[in-house]
PDB file of N, CA and C in Angstrom:
ATOM      1  N   UNK A   1      -4.088  -9.943 -20.398  1.00  0.00           N
ATOM      2  CA  UNK A   1      -3.819  -9.938 -18.970  1.00  0.00           C
ATOM      3  C   UNK A   1      -3.633  -8.513 -18.447  1.00  0.00           C
ATOM      4  N   UNK A   2      -3.040  -7.637 -19.226  1.00  0.00           N
ATOM      5  CA  UNK A   2      -2.831  -6.251 -18.788  1.00  0.00           C
ATOM      6  C   UNK A   2      -4.147  -5.524 -18.569  1.00  0.00           C
ATOM      7  N   UNK A   3      -5.139  -5.805 -19.419  1.00  0.00           N
ATOM      8  CA  UNK A   3      -6.450  -5.169 -19.267  1.00  0.00           C
ATOM      9  C   UNK A   3      -7.069  -5.599 -17.942  1.00  0.00           C
ATOM     10  N   UNK A   4      -6.961  -6.872 -17.631  1.00  0.00           N
ATOM     11  CA  UNK A   4      -7.519  -7.386 -16.376  1.00  0.00           C
ATOM     12  C   UNK A   4      -6.821  -6.738 -15.179  1.00  0.00           C
ATOM     13  N   UNK A   5      -5.505  -6.610 -15.251  1.00  0.00           N
ATOM     14  CA  UNK A   5      -4.738  -5.975 -14.175  1.00  0.00           C
ATOM     15  C   UNK A   5      -5.141  -4.513 -14.013  1.00  0.00           C
ATOM     16  N   UNK A   6      -5.310  -3.822 -15.114  1.00  0.00           N
ATOM     17  CA  UNK A   6      -5.718  -2.414 -15.061  1.00  0.00           C
ATOM     18  C   UNK A   6      -7.107  -2.285 -14.440  1.00  0.00           C
ATOM     19  N   UNK A   7      -8.003  -3.196 -14.784  1.00  0.00           N
ATOM     20  CA  UNK A   7      -9.350  -3.157 -14.219  1.00  0.00           C
ATOM     21  C   UNK A   7      -9.301  -3.419 -12.713  1.00  0.00           C
ATOM     22  N   UNK A   8      -8.448  -4.336 -12.293  1.00  0.00           N
ATOM     23  CA  UNK A   8      -8.299  -4.657 -10.872  1.00  0.00           C
ATOM     24  C   UNK A   8      -7.875  -3.418 -10.081  1.00  0.00           C
ATOM     25  N   UNK A   9      -7.010  -2.610 -10.659  1.00  0.00           N
ATOM     26  CA  UNK A   9      -6.508  -1.410  -9.987  1.00  0.00           C
ATOM     27  C   UNK A   9      -7.597  -0.357  -9.790  1.00  0.00           C
ATOM     28  N   UNK A  10      -8.665  -0.429 -10.559  1.00  0.00           N
ATOM     29  CA  UNK A  10      -9.736   0.564 -10.462  1.00  0.00           C
ATOM     30  C   UNK A  10     -10.824   0.166  -9.474  1.00  0.00           C
ATOM     31  N   UNK A  11     -10.729  -1.038  -8.920  1.00  0.00           N
ATOM     32  CA  UNK A  11     -11.718  -1.492  -7.936  1.00  0.00           C
ATOM     33  C   UNK A  11     -11.545  -0.697  -6.643  1.00  0.00           C
ATOM     34  N   UNK A  12     -12.650  -0.318  -6.067  1.00  0.00           N
ATOM     35  CA  UNK A  12     -12.613   0.442  -4.817  1.00  0.00           C
ATOM     36  C   UNK A  12     -11.978  -0.387  -3.716  1.00  0.00           C
ATOM     37  N   UNK A  13     -11.127   0.235  -2.923  1.00  0.00           N
ATOM     38  CA  UNK A  13     -10.439  -0.432  -1.817  1.00  0.00           C
ATOM     39  C   UNK A  13     -11.358  -0.532  -0.603  1.00  0.00           C
ATOM     40  N   UNK A  14     -11.167  -1.596   0.151  1.00  0.00           N
ATOM     41  CA  UNK A  14     -11.936  -1.786   1.389  1.00  0.00           C
ATOM     42  C   UNK A  14     -11.108  -1.306   2.579  1.00  0.00           C
ATOM     43  N   UNK A  15     -11.770  -1.154   3.712  1.00  0.00           N
ATOM     44  CA  UNK A  15     -11.054  -0.787   4.934  1.00  0.00           C
ATOM     45  C   UNK A  15     -10.030  -1.858   5.294  1.00  0.00           C
ATOM     46  N   UNK A  16     -10.381  -3.129   5.102  1.00  0.00           N
ATOM     47  CA  UNK A  16      -9.456  -4.224   5.412  1.00  0.00           C
ATOM     48  C   UNK A  16      -8.212  -4.157   4.524  1.00  0.00           C
ATOM     49  N   UNK A  17      -8.379  -3.797   3.266  1.00  0.00           N
ATOM     50  CA  UNK A  17      -7.231  -3.664   2.360  1.00  0.00           C
ATOM     51  C   UNK A  17      -6.343  -2.494   2.777  1.00  0.00           C
ATOM     52  N   UNK A  18      -6.961  -1.411   3.178  1.00  0.00           N
ATOM     53  CA  UNK A  18      -6.184  -0.264   3.671  1.00  0.00           C
ATOM     54  C   UNK A  18      -5.387  -0.659   4.917  1.00  0.00           C
ATOM     55  N   UNK A  19      -6.033  -1.359   5.843  1.00  0.00           N
ATOM     56  CA  UNK A  19      -5.360  -1.794   7.062  1.00  0.00           C
ATOM     57  C   UNK A  19      -4.208  -2.745   6.761  1.00  0.00           C
ATOM     58  N   UNK A  20      -4.373  -3.616   5.773  1.00  0.00           N
ATOM     59  CA  UNK A  20      -3.305  -4.550   5.402  1.00  0.00           C
ATOM     60  C   UNK A  20      -2.094  -3.802   4.855  1.00  0.00           C
ATOM     61  N   UNK A  21      -2.326  -2.769   4.068  1.00  0.00           N
ATOM     62  CA  UNK A  21      -1.220  -1.968   3.540  1.00  0.00           C
ATOM     63  C   UNK A  21      -0.516  -1.238   4.681  1.00  0.00           C
ATOM     64  N   UNK A  22      -1.264  -0.698   5.614  1.00  0.00           N
ATOM     65  CA  UNK A  22      -0.653  -0.008   6.753  1.00  0.00           C
ATOM     66  C   UNK A  22       0.203  -0.985   7.562  1.00  0.00           C
ATOM     67  N   UNK A  23      -0.242  -2.208   7.721  1.00  0.00           N
ATOM     68  CA  UNK A  23       0.550  -3.214   8.431  1.00  0.00           C
ATOM     69  C   UNK A  23       1.849  -3.501   7.672  1.00  0.00           C
ATOM     70  N   UNK A  24       1.786  -3.593   6.371  1.00  0.00           N
ATOM     71  CA  UNK A  24       2.996  -3.797   5.562  1.00  0.00           C
ATOM     72  C   UNK A  24       3.956  -2.631   5.727  1.00  0.00           C
ATOM     73  N   UNK A  25       3.419  -1.442   5.743  1.00  0.00           N
ATOM     74  CA  UNK A  25       4.254  -0.253   5.924  1.00  0.00           C
ATOM     75  C   UNK A  25       4.887  -0.246   7.313  1.00  0.00           C
ATOM     76  N   UNK A  26       4.141  -0.691   8.320  1.00  0.00           N
ATOM     77  CA  UNK A  26       4.680  -0.770   9.677  1.00  0.00           C
ATOM     78  C   UNK A  26       5.864  -1.739   9.724  1.00  0.00           C
ATOM     79  N   UNK A  27       5.720  -2.857   9.040  1.00  0.00           N
ATOM     80  CA  UNK A  27       6.824  -3.822   8.984  1.00  0.00           C
ATOM     81  C   UNK A  27       8.040  -3.225   8.275  1.00  0.00           C
ATOM     82  N   UNK A  28       7.802  -2.507   7.194  1.00  0.00           N
ATOM     83  CA  UNK A  28       8.896  -1.867   6.451  1.00  0.00           C
ATOM     84  C   UNK A  28       9.600  -0.840   7.331  1.00  0.00           C
ATOM     85  N   UNK A  29       8.846  -0.089   8.101  1.00  0.00           N
ATOM     86  CA  UNK A  29       9.437   0.878   9.030  1.00  0.00           C
ATOM     87  C   UNK A  29      10.299   0.150  10.050  1.00  0.00           C
ATOM     88  N   UNK A  30       9.792  -0.931  10.603  1.00  0.00           N
ATOM     89  CA  UNK A  30      10.516  -1.697  11.603  1.00  0.00           C
ATOM     90  C   UNK A  30      11.817  -2.296  11.080  1.00  0.00           C
ATOM     91  N   UNK A  31      11.869  -2.557   9.790  1.00  0.00           N
ATOM     92  CA  UNK A  31      13.077  -3.108   9.174  1.00  0.00           C
ATOM     93  C   UNK A  31      14.021  -2.019   8.678  1.00  0.00           C
ATOM     94  N   UNK A  32      13.647  -0.766   8.860  1.00  0.00           N
ATOM     95  CA  UNK A  32      14.492   0.328   8.413  1.00  0.00           C
ATOM     96  C   UNK A  32      14.406   0.611   6.926  1.00  0.00           C
ATOM     97  N   UNK A  33      13.360   0.130   6.274  1.00  0.00           N
ATOM     98  CA  UNK A  33      13.189   0.347   4.837  1.00  0.00           C
ATOM     99  C   UNK A  33      12.517   1.686   4.525  1.00  0.00           C
ATOM    100  N   UNK A  34      11.859   2.257   5.519  1.00  0.00           N
ATOM    101  CA  UNK A  34      11.213   3.562   5.380  1.00  0.00           C
ATOM    102  C   UNK A  34      11.645   4.438   6.542  1.00  0.00           C
ATOM    103  N   UNK A  35      11.747   5.737   6.268  1.00  0.00           N
ATOM    104  CA  UNK A  35      11.959   6.687   7.350  1.00  0.00           C
ATOM    105  C   UNK A  35      10.603   6.960   8.002  1.00  0.00           C
ATOM    106  N   UNK A  36      10.624   7.568   9.152  1.00  0.00           N
ATOM    107  CA  UNK A  36       9.366   7.900   9.828  1.00  0.00           C
ATOM    108  C   UNK A  36       8.525   8.843   8.972  1.00  0.00           C
ATOM    109  N   UNK A  37       9.163   9.809   8.317  1.00  0.00           N
ATOM    110  CA  UNK A  37       8.427  10.732   7.451  1.00  0.00           C
ATOM    111  C   UNK A  37       7.773   9.992   6.280  1.00  0.00           C
ATOM    112  N   UNK A  38       8.524   9.058   5.671  1.00  0.00           N
ATOM    113  CA  UNK A  38       7.960   8.275   4.567  1.00  0.00           C
ATOM    114  C   UNK A  38       6.779   7.438   5.061  1.00  0.00           C
ATOM    115  N   UNK A  39       6.968   6.813   6.199  1.00  0.00           N
ATOM    116  CA  UNK A  39       5.912   5.992   6.788  1.00  0.00           C
ATOM    117  C   UNK A  39       4.656   6.833   7.039  1.00  0.00           C
ATOM    118  N   UNK A  40       4.823   7.963   7.699  1.00  0.00           N
ATOM    119  CA  UNK A  40       3.670   8.825   8.004  1.00  0.00           C
ATOM    120  C   UNK A  40       2.938   9.242   6.733  1.00  0.00           C
ATOM    121  N   UNK A  41       3.690   9.628   5.713  1.00  0.00           N
ATOM    122  CA  UNK A  41       3.076  10.046   4.455  1.00  0.00           C
ATOM    123  C   UNK A  41       2.330   8.918   3.759  1.00  0.00           C
ATOM    124  N   UNK A  42       2.936   7.744   3.771  1.00  0.00           N
ATOM    125  CA  UNK A  42       2.301   6.599   3.112  1.00  0.00           C
ATOM    126  C   UNK A  42       1.076   6.116   3.882  1.00  0.00           C
ATOM    127  N   UNK A  43       1.130   6.164   5.201  1.00  0.00           N
ATOM    128  CA  UNK A  43      -0.036   5.767   5.995  1.00  0.00           C
ATOM    129  C   UNK A  43      -1.199   6.725   5.723  1.00  0.00           C
ATOM    130  N   UNK A  44      -0.924   8.000   5.692  1.00  0.00           N
ATOM    131  CA  UNK A  44      -1.984   8.975   5.389  1.00  0.00           C
ATOM    132  C   UNK A  44      -2.559   8.711   4.002  1.00  0.00           C
ATOM    133  N   UNK A  45      -1.691   8.418   3.036  1.00  0.00           N
ATOM    134  CA  UNK A  45      -2.154   8.141   1.677  1.00  0.00           C
ATOM    135  C   UNK A  45      -2.962   6.845   1.634  1.00  0.00           C
ATOM    136  N   UNK A  46      -2.565   5.846   2.430  1.00  0.00           N
ATOM    137  CA  UNK A  46      -3.301   4.576   2.460  1.00  0.00           C
ATOM    138  C   UNK A  46      -4.724   4.792   2.958  1.00  0.00           C
ATOM    139  N   UNK A  47      -4.865   5.554   4.022  1.00  0.00           N
ATOM    140  CA  UNK A  47      -6.200   5.784   4.563  1.00  0.00           C
ATOM    141  C   UNK A  47      -7.049   6.688   3.656  1.00  0.00           C
ATOM    142  N   UNK A  48      -6.399   7.452   2.798  1.00  0.00           N
ATOM    143  CA  UNK A  48      -7.128   8.306   1.853  1.00  0.00           C
ATOM    144  C   UNK A  48      -7.385   7.617   0.513  1.00  0.00           C
ATOM    145  N   UNK A  49      -6.748   6.484   0.279  1.00  0.00           N
ATOM    146  CA  UNK A  49      -6.855   5.794  -1.014  1.00  0.00           C
ATOM    147  C   UNK A  49      -8.291   5.347  -1.286  1.00  0.00           C
ATOM    148  N   UNK A  50      -8.693   5.518  -2.517  1.00  0.00           N
ATOM    149  CA  UNK A  50     -10.029   5.100  -2.930  1.00  0.00           C
ATOM    150  C   UNK A  50      -9.990   3.782  -3.704  1.00  0.00           C
ATOM    151  N   UNK A  51      -8.873   3.491  -4.392  1.00  0.00           N
ATOM    152  CA  UNK A  51      -8.805   2.288  -5.219  1.00  0.00           C
ATOM    153  C   UNK A  51      -7.644   1.382  -4.821  1.00  0.00           C
ATOM    154  N   UNK A  52      -7.724   0.129  -5.254  1.00  0.00           N
ATOM    155  CA  UNK A  52      -6.642  -0.820  -5.024  1.00  0.00           C
ATOM    156  C   UNK A  52      -5.359  -0.362  -5.706  1.00  0.00           C
ATOM    157  N   UNK A  53      -5.487   0.294  -6.843  1.00  0.00           N
ATOM    158  CA  UNK A  53      -4.317   0.802  -7.556  1.00  0.00           C
ATOM    159  C   UNK A  53      -3.563   1.836  -6.738  1.00  0.00           C
ATOM    160  N   UNK A  54      -4.288   2.709  -6.074  1.00  0.00           N
ATOM    161  CA  UNK A  54      -3.644   3.703  -5.214  1.00  0.00           C
ATOM    162  C   UNK A  54      -2.896   3.022  -4.077  1.00  0.00           C
ATOM    163  N   UNK A  55      -3.485   1.977  -3.519  1.00  0.00           N
ATOM    164  CA  UNK A  55      -2.822   1.238  -2.444  1.00  0.00           C
ATOM    165  C   UNK A  55      -1.567   0.535  -2.950  1.00  0.00           C
ATOM    166  N   UNK A  56      -1.650  -0.059  -4.126  1.00  0.00           N
ATOM    167  CA  UNK A  56      -0.511  -0.794  -4.685  1.00  0.00           C
ATOM    168  C   UNK A  56       0.704   0.112  -4.871  1.00  0.00           C
ATOM    169  N   UNK A  57       0.474   1.349  -5.233  1.00  0.00           N
ATOM    170  CA  UNK A  57       1.581   2.289  -5.437  1.00  0.00           C
ATOM    171  C   UNK A  57       2.367   2.538  -4.152  1.00  0.00           C
ATOM    172  N   UNK A  58       1.714   2.402  -3.025  1.00  0.00           N
ATOM    173  CA  UNK A  58       2.350   2.704  -1.736  1.00  0.00           C
ATOM    174  C   UNK A  58       3.350   1.643  -1.288  1.00  0.00           C
ATOM    175  N   UNK A  59       3.258   0.462  -1.870  1.00  0.00           N
ATOM    176  CA  UNK A  59       4.160  -0.624  -1.453  1.00  0.00           C
ATOM    177  C   UNK A  59       4.946  -1.217  -2.622  1.00  0.00           C
ATOM    178  N   UNK A  60       4.859  -0.630  -3.794  1.00  0.00           N
ATOM    179  CA  UNK A  60       5.499  -1.228  -4.970  1.00  0.00           C
ATOM    180  C   UNK A  60       7.024  -1.277  -4.869  1.00  0.00           C
ATOM    181  N   UNK A  61       7.627  -0.439  -4.063  1.00  0.00           N
ATOM    182  CA  UNK A  61       9.086  -0.434  -3.942  1.00  0.00           C
ATOM    183  C   UNK A  61       9.581  -1.215  -2.719  1.00  0.00           C
ATOM    184  N   UNK A  62       8.675  -1.972  -2.093  1.00  0.00           N
ATOM    185  CA  UNK A  62       9.028  -2.763  -0.913  1.00  0.00           C
ATOM    186  C   UNK A  62       9.031  -4.248  -1.272  1.00  0.00           C
ATOM    187  N   UNK A  63       9.894  -5.043  -0.630  1.00  0.00           N
ATOM    188  CA  UNK A  63       9.953  -6.469  -0.951  1.00  0.00           C
ATOM    189  C   UNK A  63       8.696  -7.217  -0.544  1.00  0.00           C
ATOM    190  N   UNK A  64       8.360  -8.230  -1.315  1.00  0.00           N
ATOM    191  CA  UNK A  64       7.179  -9.038  -1.049  1.00  0.00           C
ATOM    192  C   UNK A  64       7.256  -9.818   0.254  1.00  0.00           C
ATOM    193  N   UNK A  65       8.450  -9.972   0.814  1.00  0.00           N
ATOM    194  CA  UNK A  65       8.595 -10.734   2.055  1.00  0.00           C
ATOM    195  C   UNK A  65       7.932 -10.053   3.254  1.00  0.00           C
ATOM    196  N   UNK A  66       7.518  -8.823   3.090  1.00  0.00           N
ATOM    197  CA  UNK A  66       6.838  -8.099   4.179  1.00  0.00           C
ATOM    198  C   UNK A  66       5.394  -8.567   4.361  1.00  0.00           C
ATOM    199  N   UNK A  67       4.881  -9.348   3.433  1.00  0.00           N
ATOM    200  CA  UNK A  67       3.501  -9.786   3.570  1.00  0.00           C
ATOM    201  C   UNK A  67       3.508 -11.229   3.894  1.00  0.00           C
TER     202      UNK A  67
END
C-alpha cells in the first residue's frame, strides 16, 4: 500500500486540484487556523505545485473537516 501511495504523490496535479487546495486553505484562514502570511505562502506554493504530493504537504497539518 505504501508503494501505491508514493506513486500517487508523483502524479502531476491538475488546475482543479490546485484550486481545491486553495479553497481548503481559504477555509482554514477563515477559521483562524492559518495566519495571513501562512495563507499567502501556501497559496503561492499551491499554484506552483507540480505534483499531488506537493499539494498534500500544504494541508497535512489541517483537519479533514475543512473539506
